[in-house]
Protein backbone atom coordinates (compact mmCIF):
# COMPACT_ATOMS: atom_id res chain seq x y z
CA MET A 1 12.55 -89.58 -5.04
CA LYS A 2 14.46 -90.87 -1.89
CA ARG A 3 15.68 -87.27 -1.14
CA ILE A 4 11.95 -86.10 -1.14
CA ILE A 5 11.02 -88.72 1.21
CA MET A 6 13.59 -88.03 3.54
CA THR A 7 12.79 -84.32 3.57
CA ILE A 8 9.16 -84.90 4.31
CA VAL A 9 10.10 -87.36 7.12
CA LEU A 10 12.65 -84.76 8.72
CA LEU A 11 10.24 -81.87 8.35
CA SER A 12 7.58 -83.98 9.98
CA LEU A 13 9.89 -84.78 12.92
CA VAL A 14 10.62 -81.10 13.32
CA LEU A 15 6.99 -79.92 12.90
CA LEU A 16 5.41 -82.52 15.01
CA PRO A 17 6.11 -81.08 18.38
CA VAL A 18 4.87 -77.75 17.22
CA TYR A 19 1.24 -78.91 16.29
CA SER A 20 0.73 -81.72 19.12
CA ALA A 21 -1.37 -79.38 20.98
CA LYS A 22 -4.95 -78.79 19.47
CA TYR A 23 -7.23 -75.88 19.42
CA VAL A 24 -10.35 -76.68 21.39
CA GLY A 25 -12.48 -73.40 21.10
CA ALA A 26 -13.19 -70.68 23.63
CA LYS A 27 -16.14 -72.59 24.79
CA LYS A 28 -13.99 -75.13 26.56
CA CYS A 29 -12.35 -72.23 28.50
CA LYS A 30 -15.62 -70.81 29.54
CA LEU A 31 -16.30 -74.10 31.81
CA CYS A 32 -13.92 -72.88 34.34
CA HIS A 33 -13.12 -69.16 33.44
CA ASN A 34 -16.61 -67.66 33.80
CA SER A 35 -17.25 -67.89 37.48
CA THR A 36 -17.39 -64.94 39.76
CA ARG A 37 -14.35 -66.42 41.60
CA HIS A 38 -12.21 -66.21 38.41
CA GLY A 39 -13.39 -62.73 37.50
CA LYS A 40 -15.77 -63.63 34.83
CA ALA A 41 -12.85 -63.70 32.30
CA TYR A 42 -14.81 -65.28 29.59
CA ASP A 43 -17.66 -62.69 29.42
CA THR A 44 -15.32 -59.92 29.89
CA LEU A 45 -13.14 -61.10 27.07
CA PHE A 46 -16.37 -61.52 24.95
CA ASN A 47 -17.35 -58.26 25.35
CA THR A 48 -14.31 -56.71 23.78
CA LYS A 49 -13.99 -55.91 20.07
CA HIS A 50 -11.28 -58.85 19.64
CA SER A 51 -14.05 -61.64 20.01
CA LYS A 52 -16.01 -59.78 17.35
CA ALA A 53 -13.15 -59.10 15.01
CA PHE A 54 -14.42 -61.50 12.33
CA ALA A 55 -17.68 -59.99 11.77
CA GLY A 56 -16.26 -56.92 10.65
CA LEU A 57 -14.51 -58.84 7.74
CA VAL A 58 -17.93 -60.34 6.88
CA GLU A 59 -19.43 -56.83 6.74
CA ASP A 60 -16.59 -55.59 4.58
CA TRP A 61 -16.64 -58.81 2.11
CA LYS A 62 -13.25 -59.75 3.37
CA ALA A 63 -13.81 -62.77 5.14
CA ASN A 64 -11.93 -64.77 2.39
CA ASP A 65 -8.90 -62.57 2.34
CA PRO A 66 -6.07 -64.26 4.11
CA TYR A 67 -4.31 -61.19 4.50
CA CYS A 68 -7.19 -59.85 6.75
CA VAL A 69 -8.18 -63.20 8.20
CA VAL A 70 -4.93 -63.88 9.75
CA CYS A 71 -5.58 -61.15 12.42
CA HIS A 72 -9.36 -61.68 13.07
CA THR A 73 -9.46 -65.23 13.61
CA THR A 74 -7.97 -67.66 16.18
CA GLY A 75 -5.10 -70.00 15.29
CA PHE A 76 -5.24 -69.30 11.45
CA ASN A 77 -3.43 -71.88 9.64
CA GLU A 78 -2.07 -73.32 12.83
CA GLY A 79 -4.85 -75.77 13.64
CA GLY A 80 -7.69 -73.21 14.40
CA TYR A 81 -9.27 -71.46 11.64
CA LYS A 82 -9.08 -72.90 8.17
CA MET A 83 -9.98 -71.15 4.97
CA GLY A 84 -12.51 -73.18 3.24
CA ALA A 85 -13.42 -75.47 6.22
CA PRO A 86 -17.07 -75.78 6.99
CA ASP A 87 -18.79 -73.22 9.13
CA THR A 88 -19.52 -75.91 11.74
CA TYR A 89 -15.91 -76.14 12.09
CA ASN A 90 -14.52 -72.62 11.74
CA SER A 91 -17.21 -70.80 13.70
CA LYS A 92 -15.47 -71.45 17.16
CA PHE A 93 -12.31 -69.75 15.77
CA GLU A 94 -13.82 -66.65 14.55
CA GLY A 95 -12.68 -63.64 16.10
CA VAL A 96 -9.54 -63.27 18.37
CA LYS A 97 -10.35 -65.48 21.34
CA CYS A 98 -8.64 -67.15 24.18
CA GLU A 99 -6.26 -69.61 22.20
CA GLU A 100 -5.28 -66.89 19.94
CA CYS A 101 -3.18 -65.24 22.85
CA HIS A 102 -2.86 -68.11 25.06
CA GLY A 103 -2.19 -70.92 22.64
CA PRO A 104 -3.99 -74.10 21.86
CA GLY A 105 -5.43 -75.33 24.83
CA SER A 106 -5.87 -79.21 24.45
CA GLU A 107 -2.78 -79.99 26.70
CA TYR A 108 -2.98 -77.29 29.35
CA MET A 109 -6.74 -77.12 29.62
CA LYS A 110 -7.09 -79.89 32.32
CA LYS A 111 -8.03 -78.53 35.83
CA ASP A 112 -5.02 -80.11 37.63
CA ILE A 113 -2.70 -78.73 35.17
CA MET A 114 -4.34 -75.10 35.06
CA LYS A 115 -3.93 -75.06 38.88
CA ASN A 116 -0.26 -74.86 38.48
CA ARG A 117 0.95 -71.96 36.28
CA LYS A 118 4.41 -73.70 35.74
CA LYS A 119 2.78 -76.95 34.62
CA ALA A 120 0.36 -74.97 32.34
CA ILE A 121 3.24 -73.03 30.78
CA ALA A 122 5.18 -76.30 30.26
CA LYS A 123 2.05 -77.81 28.39
CA GLY A 124 1.80 -74.72 26.20
CA LEU A 125 0.01 -72.04 27.84
CA LYS A 126 1.42 -68.62 26.49
CA ILE A 127 1.52 -65.50 28.61
CA PRO A 128 0.66 -63.03 26.05
CA SER A 129 3.21 -60.10 25.58
CA GLU A 130 3.29 -56.95 23.50
CA LYS A 131 5.68 -58.95 20.92
CA HIS A 132 2.64 -61.19 20.39
CA CYS A 133 0.07 -58.34 19.98
CA VAL A 134 2.18 -56.42 17.49
CA LYS A 135 1.96 -59.17 14.90
CA CYS A 136 -1.31 -57.47 14.02
CA HIS A 137 -1.33 -54.19 15.69
CA ASP A 138 1.31 -52.96 13.45
CA LYS A 139 0.98 -49.62 11.54
CA LYS A 140 4.04 -50.37 9.32
CA LYS A 141 2.37 -53.71 8.28
CA TYR A 142 -1.25 -52.89 8.34
CA PRO A 143 -1.42 -48.88 7.74
CA TRP A 144 -4.87 -48.64 8.45
CA ALA A 145 -4.59 -50.18 11.92
CA LYS A 146 -5.38 -47.63 14.94
CA LYS A 147 -2.26 -46.16 16.93
CA PHE A 148 -1.37 -49.14 19.13
CA VAL A 149 0.11 -48.28 22.78
CA TYR A 150 0.32 -51.78 24.55
CA LYS A 151 -0.21 -50.50 28.17
CA GLU A 152 -3.34 -48.46 27.17
CA ARG A 153 -4.81 -51.34 24.97
CA LEU A 154 -4.08 -53.84 27.72
CA LYS A 155 -6.42 -52.41 29.98
CA LYS A 156 -9.15 -52.68 27.41
CA ILE A 157 -8.99 -56.31 27.46
CA ASP A 158 -7.93 -56.99 30.85
CA HIS A 159 -9.59 -60.19 32.00
CA ARG A 160 -7.31 -61.40 34.56
CA TYR A 161 -8.63 -63.04 37.70
CA ARG A 162 -9.23 -60.38 40.54
């Protein structure tokens, strides 16, 4: 019994820093990232297939299949989308939205932190790369996935500030 308790304590110490940042949902990002000055990043992203990815699962009756849900939601099993959670909670994590690529926003979303890229990264902002994208865009793992050429696909979801 002592060994089990020690294992739990040690695991919690190791995992606690990983989960300290919380997913806040893309609407929080919209507050700052939808102005003309910021290139209407929110609207641009929400007009992509990524943001609507979960709807396809619902249409195909696969919204309860974790094998599918992992690539069609934000933060699956990491503090975002949770199987069996109420729709009032999960709805903000349906689809591939801001925090799926940029990480949970609670620690970096404050305006004074976001003004400084180094501070934002230190607080958990992720700069997405091909390595992150191929977790889902991988024909070996998901044979039905479309051909994925990172540089071409990046252009389709480009929502950087101009």
